[in-house]
Amino acid sequence: MHPISYAQAIVLGLLQGAAELFPISSLGHSVIAPRLLGWDIHQSDDYFLTFLVATHLATALVLLGFFWRDWVRIVRGLGRSLRDREIADGDTDAYLGWLLVIGTIPAGLLGLALEHPLRSVFASPTAAAVFLLCNGLMLFGAERLRRHAPVRQDAQFSDERMARELNVRKAIGIGAAQALALLPGFSRSGATMAGGLLAGLSNEDSARFAFLLATPVIGAAALLKLPDLFGPQGDGVRGPALAGALCAALTAYLSVRFLVRFFETNRLTPFAIYCTVAGALCLLVFAIT
């Protein structure tokens, strides 16, 4: 018997790939959905966490592939700065690369320090519903920031704009905001975009920085736990995990293609309404049942 069936893996994979990039919390949905659907899945069990590793790795690979040309430039810029032991004036790729490195550190350190305590305390459908509602309120606040964010009236390359607006302090702040995703129900992309808007980025640039920053964070977290998938904890899960990963890759690709264009002009309000209403309804259902 598989602890997660193939049908369940497909549903969870499709959900994770979309919810990871839409600002609605993939972890929150992965915790809430089994309870709503009546599945006997315990989110704190090792096999479920091993399954999530595969779907998160698939999402990270899709992001890496989608922004492949950007990452090639950024990595080359980092290489130049290491070779020359400085960031040359006007080397936007190197500067942006180091900002991404710096932004990754807070989420990484907090993840290593707090992942297990937070999982044991908050990995319940009721807690996830509370945080999903709070995520909606956070997005309403981010939408207010978006209305006052600068509007792109020039043709300047997006990375040049981000390098101009951001500094080390702001990158650390955005990275710390991203760590909210450790709480199931808070969205990684939503928190990062809110941090970017607070740092003075436009709606479009904050979304782009969020997707770039998510790639190493999601990928590193998945790779760190990937050995579990091939060890004893992966017994009975590898087949469903592969199916879930393929489904997550599909919806992640469709989501990032849609969202990159969506956030050029559109608002965060629909996602804020969805999270607030969905969180409140789930709390009501859980209280009744």
C-alpha atoms as a PDB file:
ATOM      1  CA  MET A   1       0.000   0.000   0.000  1.00  0.00           C
ATOM      2  CA  HIS A   2       1.194   3.491  -0.862  1.00  0.00           C
ATOM      3  CA  PRO A   3       0.764   5.962   2.030  1.00  0.00           C
ATOM      4  CA  ILE A   4      -0.186   8.466  -0.699  1.00  0.00           C
ATOM      5  CA  SER A   5      -2.179   7.118  -3.629  1.00  0.00           C
ATOM      6  CA  TYR A   6      -1.419   8.118  -7.188  1.00  0.00           C
ATOM      7  CA  ALA A   7      -4.711  10.005  -7.416  1.00  0.00           C
ATOM      8  CA  GLN A   8      -3.895  11.939  -4.258  1.00  0.00           C
ATOM      9  CA  ALA A   9      -0.367  12.610  -5.516  1.00  0.00           C
ATOM     10  CA  ILE A  10      -1.694  14.034  -8.789  1.00  0.00           C
ATOM     11  CA  VAL A  11      -4.123  16.360  -6.996  1.00  0.00           C
ATOM     12  CA  LEU A  12      -1.494  17.519  -4.489  1.00  0.00           C
ATOM     13  CA  GLY A  13       1.118  17.954  -7.218  1.00  0.00           C
ATOM     14  CA  LEU A  14      -1.159  20.070  -9.391  1.00  0.00           C
ATOM     15  CA  LEU A  15      -2.102  22.120  -6.347  1.00  0.00           C
ATOM     16  CA  GLN A  16       1.468  22.605  -5.146  1.00  0.00           C
ATOM     17  CA  GLY A  17       2.850  23.700  -8.505  1.00  0.00           C
ATOM     18  CA  ALA A  18       0.238  26.431  -8.855  1.00  0.00           C
ATOM     19  CA  ALA A  19      -0.033  27.529  -5.222  1.00  0.00           C
ATOM     20  CA  GLU A  20       3.752  27.820  -4.787  1.00  0.00           C
ATOM     21  CA  LEU A  21       3.919  30.645  -7.336  1.00  0.00           C
ATOM     22  CA  PHE A  22       0.483  32.193  -6.910  1.00  0.00           C
ATOM     23  CA  PRO A  23       0.561  34.150  -3.630  1.00  0.00           C
ATOM     24  CA  ILE A  24      -1.812  31.732  -1.880  1.00  0.00           C
ATOM     25  CA  SER A  25       0.581  29.340  -0.027  1.00  0.00           C
ATOM     26  CA  SER A  26       1.296  25.880  -1.381  1.00  0.00           C
ATOM     27  CA  LEU A  27       2.141  24.501   2.068  1.00  0.00           C
ATOM     28  CA  GLY A  28      -1.089  25.817   3.517  1.00  0.00           C
ATOM     29  CA  HIS A  29      -3.121  24.195   0.748  1.00  0.00           C
ATOM     30  CA  SER A  30      -1.189  20.931   1.096  1.00  0.00           C
ATOM     31  CA  VAL A  31      -2.075  20.866   4.796  1.00  0.00           C
ATOM     32  CA  ILE A  32      -5.725  21.902   4.391  1.00  0.00           C
ATOM     33  CA  ALA A  33      -6.725  19.928   1.266  1.00  0.00           C
ATOM     34  CA  PRO A  34      -6.353  16.402   2.735  1.00  0.00           C
ATOM     35  CA  ARG A  35      -8.556  17.357   5.688  1.00  0.00           C
ATOM     36  CA  LEU A  36     -11.251  18.842   3.443  1.00  0.00           C
ATOM     37  CA  LEU A  37     -11.156  15.827   1.127  1.00  0.00           C
ATOM     38  CA  GLY A  38     -11.260  13.345   3.984  1.00  0.00           C
ATOM     39  CA  TRP A  39      -7.888  11.771   3.189  1.00  0.00           C
ATOM     40  CA  ASP A  40      -6.008   9.869   5.862  1.00  0.00           C
ATOM     41  CA  ILE A  41      -2.791  11.833   5.369  1.00  0.00           C
ATOM     42  CA  HIS A  42      -0.844  13.215   8.301  1.00  0.00           C
ATOM     43  CA  GLN A  43       1.128  16.241   7.231  1.00  0.00           C
ATOM     44  CA  SER A  44       3.768  15.885   9.941  1.00  0.00           C
ATOM     45  CA  ASP A  45       4.656  12.317   8.956  1.00  0.00           C
ATOM     46  CA  ASP A  46       7.987  11.703   7.279  1.00  0.00           C
ATOM     47  CA  TYR A  47       6.492  10.164   4.145  1.00  0.00           C
ATOM     48  CA  PHE A  48       4.392  13.257   3.432  1.00  0.00           C
ATOM     49  CA  LEU A  49       7.358  15.575   3.872  1.00  0.00           C
ATOM     50  CA  THR A  50       9.369  13.313   1.573  1.00  0.00           C
ATOM     51  CA  PHE A  51       6.617  13.579  -1.029  1.00  0.00           C
ATOM     52  CA  LEU A  52       6.670  17.388  -0.780  1.00  0.00           C
ATOM     53  CA  VAL A  53      10.424  17.367  -1.432  1.00  0.00           C
ATOM     54  CA  ALA A  54       9.807  15.960  -4.915  1.00  0.00           C
ATOM     55  CA  THR A  55       7.094  18.484  -5.787  1.00  0.00           C
ATOM     56  CA  HIS A  56       9.165  21.422  -4.509  1.00  0.00           C
ATOM     57  CA  LEU A  57      12.222  20.278  -6.439  1.00  0.00           C
ATOM     58  CA  ALA A  58      10.119  20.094  -9.607  1.00  0.00           C
ATOM     59  CA  THR A  59       8.876  23.651  -9.026  1.00  0.00           C
ATOM     60  CA  ALA A  60      12.430  24.923  -8.477  1.00  0.00           C
ATOM     61  CA  LEU A  61      13.628  23.256 -11.682  1.00  0.00           C
ATOM     62  CA  VAL A  62      10.786  24.860 -13.637  1.00  0.00           C
ATOM     63  CA  LEU A  63      11.698  28.294 -12.252  1.00  0.00           C
ATOM     64  CA  LEU A  64      15.346  27.683 -13.096  1.00  0.00           C
ATOM     65  CA  GLY A  65      14.417  26.689 -16.649  1.00  0.00           C
ATOM     66  CA  PHE A  66      12.025  29.592 -17.138  1.00  0.00           C
ATOM     67  CA  PHE A  67      14.612  32.153 -16.030  1.00  0.00           C
ATOM     68  CA  TRP A  68      17.564  30.212 -17.473  1.00  0.00           C
ATOM     69  CA  ARG A  69      19.039  33.090 -19.489  1.00  0.00           C
ATOM     70  CA  ASP A  70      18.767  35.394 -16.488  1.00  0.00           C
ATOM     71  CA  TRP A  71      20.537  32.897 -14.232  1.00  0.00           C
ATOM     72  CA  VAL A  72      23.329  32.408 -16.758  1.00  0.00           C
ATOM     73  CA  ARG A  73      23.975  36.171 -16.723  1.00  0.00           C
ATOM     74  CA  ILE A  74      23.719  36.357 -12.930  1.00  0.00           C
ATOM     75  CA  VAL A  75      26.082  33.430 -12.330  1.00  0.00           C
ATOM     76  CA  ARG A  76      28.599  34.882 -14.787  1.00  0.00           C
ATOM     77  CA  GLY A  77      28.357  38.196 -12.959  1.00  0.00           C
ATOM     78  CA  LEU A  78      29.007  36.476  -9.641  1.00  0.00           C
ATOM     79  CA  GLY A  79      31.983  34.720 -11.193  1.00  0.00           C
ATOM     80  CA  ARG A  80      33.417  38.026 -12.433  1.00  0.00           C
ATOM     81  CA  SER A  81      33.057  39.616  -9.029  1.00  0.00           C
ATOM     82  CA  LEU A  82      34.779  36.675  -7.318  1.00  0.00           C
ATOM     83  CA  ARG A  83      37.571  36.719  -9.876  1.00  0.00           C
ATOM     84  CA  ASP A  84      38.127  40.469  -9.569  1.00  0.00           C
ATOM     85  CA  ARG A  85      37.311  40.552  -5.845  1.00  0.00           C
ATOM     86  CA  GLU A  86      34.975  43.456  -6.412  1.00  0.00           C
ATOM     87  CA  ILE A  87      31.744  44.408  -8.106  1.00  0.00           C
ATOM     88  CA  ALA A  88      32.654  46.590 -11.040  1.00  0.00           C
ATOM     89  CA  ASP A  89      30.733  49.812 -11.605  1.00  0.00           C
ATOM     90  CA  GLY A  90      27.780  49.133 -13.849  1.00  0.00           C
ATOM     91  CA  ASP A  91      27.972  45.327 -13.455  1.00  0.00           C
ATOM     92  CA  THR A  92      24.262  44.881 -12.812  1.00  0.00           C
ATOM     93  CA  ASP A  93      24.364  41.099 -13.077  1.00  0.00           C
ATOM     94  CA  ALA A  94      27.014  40.771 -10.360  1.00  0.00           C
ATOM     95  CA  TYR A  95      25.269  43.224  -8.047  1.00  0.00           C
ATOM     96  CA  LEU A  96      21.882  41.562  -8.506  1.00  0.00           C
ATOM     97  CA  GLY A  97      23.479  38.157  -7.979  1.00  0.00           C
ATOM     98  CA  TRP A  98      24.914  39.177  -4.605  1.00  0.00           C
ATOM     99  CA  LEU A  99      21.588  40.726  -3.609  1.00  0.00           C
ATOM    100  CA  LEU A 100      19.945  37.361  -4.312  1.00  0.00           C
ATOM    101  CA  VAL A 101      22.614  35.566  -2.286  1.00  0.00           C
ATOM    102  CA  ILE A 102      22.102  37.970   0.609  1.00  0.00           C
ATOM    103  CA  GLY A 103      18.310  37.663   0.340  1.00  0.00           C
ATOM    104  CA  THR A 104      18.565  33.867   0.493  1.00  0.00           C
ATOM    105  CA  ILE A 105      20.480  33.848   3.784  1.00  0.00           C
ATOM    106  CA  PRO A 106      17.676  34.948   6.203  1.00  0.00           C
ATOM    107  CA  ALA A 107      15.173  32.413   4.857  1.00  0.00           C
ATOM    108  CA  GLY A 108      17.817  29.687   4.870  1.00  0.00           C
ATOM    109  CA  LEU A 109      18.993  30.326   8.431  1.00  0.00           C
ATOM    110  CA  LEU A 110      15.483  30.697   9.811  1.00  0.00           C
ATOM    111  CA  GLY A 111      14.401  27.588   7.926  1.00  0.00           C
ATOM    112  CA  LEU A 112      17.185  25.482   9.408  1.00  0.00           C
ATOM    113  CA  ALA A 113      16.578  26.824  12.905  1.00  0.00           C
ATOM    114  CA  LEU A 114      12.778  26.870  13.024  1.00  0.00           C
ATOM    115  CA  GLU A 115      11.472  24.358  10.492  1.00  0.00           C
ATOM    116  CA  HIS A 116      11.008  21.447  12.902  1.00  0.00           C
ATOM    117  CA  PRO A 117       9.563  23.465  15.843  1.00  0.00           C
ATOM    118  CA  LEU A 118       7.158  25.318  13.552  1.00  0.00           C
ATOM    119  CA  ARG A 119       6.135  22.110  11.796  1.00  0.00           C
ATOM    120  CA  SER A 120       5.290  20.351  15.055  1.00  0.00           C
ATOM    121  CA  VAL A 121       3.299  23.310  16.397  1.00  0.00           C
ATOM    122  CA  PHE A 122       1.538  24.626  13.296  1.00  0.00           C
ATOM    123  CA  ALA A 123       1.297  21.677  10.848  1.00  0.00           C
ATOM    124  CA  SER A 124      -2.438  21.311  11.433  1.00  0.00           C
ATOM    125  CA  PRO A 125      -5.339  22.225   9.126  1.00  0.00           C
ATOM    126  CA  THR A 126      -6.779  24.667  11.656  1.00  0.00           C
ATOM    127  CA  ALA A 127      -3.489  26.539  12.081  1.00  0.00           C
ATOM    128  CA  ALA A 128      -2.989  26.565   8.310  1.00  0.00           C
ATOM    129  CA  ALA A 129      -6.467  28.061   7.844  1.00  0.00           C
ATOM    130  CA  VAL A 130      -5.670  30.812  10.366  1.00  0.00           C
ATOM    131  CA  PHE A 131      -2.429  31.658   8.586  1.00  0.00           C
ATOM    132  CA  LEU A 132      -4.132  31.531   5.191  1.00  0.00           C
ATOM    133  CA  LEU A 133      -6.576  34.166   6.427  1.00  0.00           C
ATOM    134  CA  CYS A 134      -3.631  36.211   7.743  1.00  0.00           C
ATOM    135  CA  ASN A 135      -1.950  35.821   4.353  1.00  0.00           C
ATOM    136  CA  GLY A 136      -5.001  37.409   2.771  1.00  0.00           C
ATOM    137  CA  LEU A 137      -4.736  40.363   5.131  1.00  0.00           C
ATOM    138  CA  MET A 138      -1.028  40.652   4.297  1.00  0.00           C
ATOM    139  CA  LEU A 139      -1.869  40.753   0.593  1.00  0.00           C
ATOM    140  CA  PHE A 140      -4.429  43.506   1.185  1.00  0.00           C
ATOM    141  CA  GLY A 141      -1.621  45.483   2.807  1.00  0.00           C
ATOM    142  CA  ALA A 142       0.705  44.683  -0.102  1.00  0.00           C
ATOM    143  CA  GLU A 143      -1.961  45.912  -2.517  1.00  0.00           C
ATOM    144  CA  ARG A 144      -1.991  49.275  -0.756  1.00  0.00           C
ATOM    145  CA  LEU A 145       1.772  49.399  -1.215  1.00  0.00           C
ATOM    146  CA  ARG A 146       1.360  48.490  -4.886  1.00  0.00           C
ATOM    147  CA  ARG A 147      -0.904  51.488  -5.477  1.00  0.00           C
ATOM    148  CA  HIS A 148       1.884  53.795  -4.316  1.00  0.00           C
ATOM    149  CA  ALA A 149       4.684  51.839  -6.009  1.00  0.00           C
ATOM    150  CA  PRO A 150       6.568  53.480  -8.900  1.00  0.00           C
ATOM    151  CA  VAL A 151       5.066  52.982 -12.353  1.00  0.00           C
ATOM    152  CA  ARG A 152       7.340  51.891 -15.169  1.00  0.00           C
ATOM    153  CA  GLN A 153       7.516  54.768 -17.605  1.00  0.00           C
ATOM    154  CA  ASP A 154      10.939  53.928 -19.048  1.00  0.00           C
ATOM    155  CA  ALA A 155      12.293  51.080 -21.071  1.00  0.00           C
ATOM    156  CA  GLN A 156      15.108  50.395 -18.647  1.00  0.00           C
ATOM    157  CA  PHE A 157      15.901  46.716 -18.208  1.00  0.00           C
ATOM    158  CA  SER A 158      14.165  45.224 -15.159  1.00  0.00           C
ATOM    159  CA  ASP A 159      17.392  44.010 -13.524  1.00  0.00           C
ATOM    160  CA  GLU A 160      18.887  47.489 -13.816  1.00  0.00           C
ATOM    161  CA  ARG A 161      15.865  48.956 -12.075  1.00  0.00           C
ATOM    162  CA  MET A 162      16.090  46.383  -9.276  1.00  0.00           C
ATOM    163  CA  ALA A 163      19.811  47.008  -8.829  1.00  0.00           C
ATOM    164  CA  ARG A 164      19.126  50.732  -8.637  1.00  0.00           C
ATOM    165  CA  GLU A 165      16.343  50.424  -6.049  1.00  0.00           C
ATOM    166  CA  LEU A 166      17.737  47.670  -3.806  1.00  0.00           C
ATOM    167  CA  ASN A 167      20.643  47.567  -1.386  1.00  0.00           C
ATOM    168  CA  VAL A 168      21.960  45.041   1.130  1.00  0.00           C
ATOM    169  CA  ARG A 169      19.608  46.123   3.906  1.00  0.00           C
ATOM    170  CA  LYS A 170      16.552  45.890   1.672  1.00  0.00           C
ATOM    171  CA  ALA A 171      17.629  42.479   0.321  1.00  0.00           C
ATOM    172  CA  ILE A 172      17.928  41.165   3.883  1.00  0.00           C
ATOM    173  CA  GLY A 173      14.474  42.528   4.666  1.00  0.00           C
ATOM    174  CA  ILE A 174      12.932  40.848   1.628  1.00  0.00           C
ATOM    175  CA  GLY A 175      14.663  37.589   2.520  1.00  0.00           C
ATOM    176  CA  ALA A 176      13.362  37.794   6.085  1.00  0.00           C
ATOM    177  CA  ALA A 177       9.843  38.415   4.765  1.00  0.00           C
ATOM    178  CA  GLN A 178      10.165  35.289   2.642  1.00  0.00           C
ATOM    179  CA  ALA A 179      10.718  33.261   5.823  1.00  0.00           C
ATOM    180  CA  LEU A 180       7.024  33.780   6.668  1.00  0.00           C
ATOM    181  CA  ALA A 181       6.397  30.867   4.303  1.00  0.00           C
ATOM    182  CA  LEU A 182       7.673  28.561   7.064  1.00  0.00           C
ATOM    183  CA  LEU A 183       4.201  29.012   8.540  1.00  0.00           C
ATOM    184  CA  PRO A 184       1.714  26.898   6.527  1.00  0.00           C
ATOM    185  CA  GLY A 185      -0.778  29.367   5.079  1.00  0.00           C
ATOM    186  CA  PHE A 186       1.627  32.227   4.415  1.00  0.00           C
ATOM    187  CA  SER A 187       2.729  32.488   0.802  1.00  0.00           C
ATOM    188  CA  ARG A 188       6.421  32.633  -0.082  1.00  0.00           C
ATOM    189  CA  SER A 189       5.809  34.626  -3.245  1.00  0.00           C
ATOM    190  CA  GLY A 190       3.243  36.866  -1.547  1.00  0.00           C
ATOM    191  CA  ALA A 191       5.536  37.693   1.381  1.00  0.00           C
ATOM    192  CA  THR A 192       8.495  38.303  -0.934  1.00  0.00           C
ATOM    193  CA  MET A 193       6.456  40.556  -3.218  1.00  0.00           C
ATOM    194  CA  ALA A 194       5.180  42.479  -0.214  1.00  0.00           C
ATOM    195  CA  GLY A 195       8.775  42.912   0.943  1.00  0.00           C
ATOM    196  CA  GLY A 196       9.793  44.073  -2.524  1.00  0.00           C
ATOM    197  CA  LEU A 197       6.994  46.620  -2.679  1.00  0.00           C
ATOM    198  CA  LEU A 198       7.934  47.865   0.778  1.00  0.00           C
ATOM    199  CA  ALA A 199      11.529  48.216  -0.460  1.00  0.00           C
ATOM    200  CA  GLY A 200      10.379  50.490  -3.280  1.00  0.00           C
ATOM    201  CA  LEU A 201      10.171  48.096  -6.224  1.00  0.00           C
ATOM    202  CA  SER A 202       7.379  48.265  -8.758  1.00  0.00           C
ATOM    203  CA  ASN A 203       4.720  45.544  -8.852  1.00  0.00           C
ATOM    204  CA  GLU A 204       6.367  43.958 -11.897  1.00  0.00           C
ATOM    205  CA  ASP A 205       9.895  44.073 -10.470  1.00  0.00           C
ATOM    206  CA  SER A 206       8.861  42.805  -7.036  1.00  0.00           C
ATOM    207  CA  ALA A 207       7.239  39.778  -8.694  1.00  0.00           C
ATOM    208  CA  ARG A 208      10.347  39.128 -10.796  1.00  0.00           C
ATOM    209  CA  PHE A 209      12.637  39.418  -7.766  1.00  0.00           C
ATOM    210  CA  ALA A 210      10.316  37.077  -5.836  1.00  0.00           C
ATOM    211  CA  PHE A 211      10.542  34.402  -8.551  1.00  0.00           C
ATOM    212  CA  LEU A 212      14.321  34.744  -8.823  1.00  0.00           C
ATOM    213  CA  LEU A 213      14.749  34.590  -5.043  1.00  0.00           C
ATOM    214  CA  ALA A 214      12.432  31.589  -4.745  1.00  0.00           C
ATOM    215  CA  THR A 215      14.558  29.470  -7.099  1.00  0.00           C
ATOM    216  CA  PRO A 216      17.617  28.938  -4.834  1.00  0.00           C
ATOM    217  CA  VAL A 217      15.561  28.809  -1.630  1.00  0.00           C
ATOM    218  CA  ILE A 218      13.103  26.173  -2.847  1.00  0.00           C
ATOM    219  CA  GLY A 219      15.798  24.272  -4.727  1.00  0.00           C
ATOM    220  CA  ALA A 220      18.265  24.200  -1.824  1.00  0.00           C
ATOM    221  CA  ALA A 221      15.597  23.101   0.669  1.00  0.00           C
ATOM    222  CA  ALA A 222      14.488  20.308  -1.666  1.00  0.00           C
ATOM    223  CA  LEU A 223      18.033  19.135  -2.452  1.00  0.00           C
ATOM    224  CA  LEU A 224      18.867  19.095   1.258  1.00  0.00           C
ATOM    225  CA  LYS A 225      16.077  16.592   1.882  1.00  0.00           C
ATOM    226  CA  LEU A 226      16.327  14.733  -1.421  1.00  0.00           C
ATOM    227  CA  PRO A 227      18.322  11.837   0.153  1.00  0.00           C
ATOM    228  CA  ASP A 228      15.218  11.063   2.230  1.00  0.00           C
ATOM    229  CA  LEU A 229      13.349  10.241  -0.964  1.00  0.00           C
ATOM    230  CA  PHE A 230      15.892   7.552  -1.847  1.00  0.00           C
ATOM    231  CA  GLY A 231      16.261   6.292   1.713  1.00  0.00           C
ATOM    232  CA  PRO A 232      13.885   4.300   3.921  1.00  0.00           C
ATOM    233  CA  GLN A 233      11.540   7.288   4.270  1.00  0.00           C
ATOM    234  CA  GLY A 234      10.903   7.105   0.538  1.00  0.00           C
ATOM    235  CA  ASP A 235       9.641   3.520   0.603  1.00  0.00           C
ATOM    236  CA  GLY A 236       6.178   3.404  -0.919  1.00  0.00           C
ATOM    237  CA  VAL A 237       6.296   7.102  -1.841  1.00  0.00           C
ATOM    238  CA  ARG A 238       8.687   7.260  -4.808  1.00  0.00           C
ATOM    239  CA  GLY A 239       6.123   6.392  -7.479  1.00  0.00           C
ATOM    240  CA  PRO A 240       3.453   8.835  -6.245  1.00  0.00           C
ATOM    241  CA  ALA A 241       6.201  11.431  -5.638  1.00  0.00           C
ATOM    242  CA  LEU A 242       7.283  11.183  -9.278  1.00  0.00           C
ATOM    243  CA  ALA A 243       3.681  11.568 -10.446  1.00  0.00           C
ATOM    244  CA  GLY A 244       3.172  14.520  -8.116  1.00  0.00           C
ATOM    245  CA  ALA A 245       6.430  16.134  -9.239  1.00  0.00           C
ATOM    246  CA  LEU A 246       5.463  15.917 -12.919  1.00  0.00           C
ATOM    247  CA  CYS A 247       2.075  17.467 -12.174  1.00  0.00           C
ATOM    248  CA  ALA A 248       3.700  20.193 -10.053  1.00  0.00           C
ATOM    249  CA  ALA A 249       6.115  20.972 -12.893  1.00  0.00           C
ATOM    250  CA  LEU A 250       3.219  21.374 -15.323  1.00  0.00           C
ATOM    251  CA  THR A 251       1.201  23.777 -13.186  1.00  0.00           C
ATOM    252  CA  ALA A 252       4.322  25.649 -12.068  1.00  0.00           C
ATOM    253  CA  TYR A 253       5.277  26.321 -15.689  1.00  0.00           C
ATOM    254  CA  LEU A 254       1.785  27.494 -16.613  1.00  0.00           C
ATOM    255  CA  SER A 255       1.604  29.606 -13.445  1.00  0.00           C
ATOM    256  CA  VAL A 256       4.901  31.431 -13.901  1.00  0.00           C
ATOM    257  CA  ARG A 257       4.105  32.180 -17.556  1.00  0.00           C
ATOM    258  CA  PHE A 258       0.776  33.652 -16.528  1.00  0.00           C
ATOM    259  CA  LEU A 259       1.967  35.544 -13.447  1.00  0.00           C
ATOM    260  CA  VAL A 260       4.954  37.251 -15.089  1.00  0.00           C
ATOM    261  CA  ARG A 261       2.497  38.974 -17.436  1.00  0.00           C
ATOM    262  CA  PHE A 262      -0.278  39.343 -14.868  1.00  0.00           C
ATOM    263  CA  PHE A 263       1.797  41.364 -12.407  1.00  0.00           C
ATOM    264  CA  GLU A 264       2.865  43.843 -15.087  1.00  0.00           C
ATOM    265  CA  THR A 265      -0.461  45.626 -14.675  1.00  0.00           C
ATOM    266  CA  ASN A 266      -2.790  43.718 -12.352  1.00  0.00           C
ATOM    267  CA  ARG A 267      -3.531  43.809  -8.658  1.00  0.00           C
ATOM    268  CA  LEU A 268      -3.068  41.502  -5.669  1.00  0.00           C
ATOM    269  CA  THR A 269      -6.671  42.017  -4.552  1.00  0.00           C
ATOM    270  CA  PRO A 270      -8.138  38.796  -6.092  1.00  0.00           C
ATOM    271  CA  PHE A 271      -5.587  36.673  -4.234  1.00  0.00           C
ATOM    272  CA  ALA A 272      -6.158  38.617  -1.009  1.00  0.00           C
ATOM    273  CA  ILE A 273      -9.914  38.039  -1.230  1.00  0.00           C
ATOM    274  CA  TYR A 274      -9.452  34.357  -2.007  1.00  0.00           C
ATOM    275  CA  CYS A 275      -7.102  33.718   0.936  1.00  0.00           C
ATOM    276  CA  THR A 276      -9.230  35.661   3.406  1.00  0.00           C
ATOM    277  CA  VAL A 277     -12.495  33.978   2.379  1.00  0.00           C
ATOM    278  CA  ALA A 278     -10.963  30.507   2.001  1.00  0.00           C
ATOM    279  CA  GLY A 279      -9.231  30.735   5.387  1.00  0.00           C
ATOM    280  CA  ALA A 280     -12.419  31.884   7.133  1.00  0.00           C
ATOM    281  CA  LEU A 281     -14.555  29.188   5.459  1.00  0.00           C
ATOM    282  CA  CYS A 282     -12.060  26.458   6.320  1.00  0.00           C
ATOM    283  CA  LEU A 283     -12.029  27.576   9.953  1.00  0.00           C
ATOM    284  CA  LEU A 284     -15.839  27.397   9.976  1.00  0.00           C
ATOM    285  CA  VAL A 285     -15.855  23.919   8.430  1.00  0.00           C
ATOM    286  CA  PHE A 286     -13.210  22.639  10.857  1.00  0.00           C
ATOM    287  CA  ALA A 287     -15.129  24.079  13.819  1.00  0.00           C
ATOM    288  CA  ILE A 288     -18.341  22.373  12.688  1.00  0.00           C
ATOM    289  CA  THR A 289     -16.740  19.037  11.909  1.00  0.00           C
END
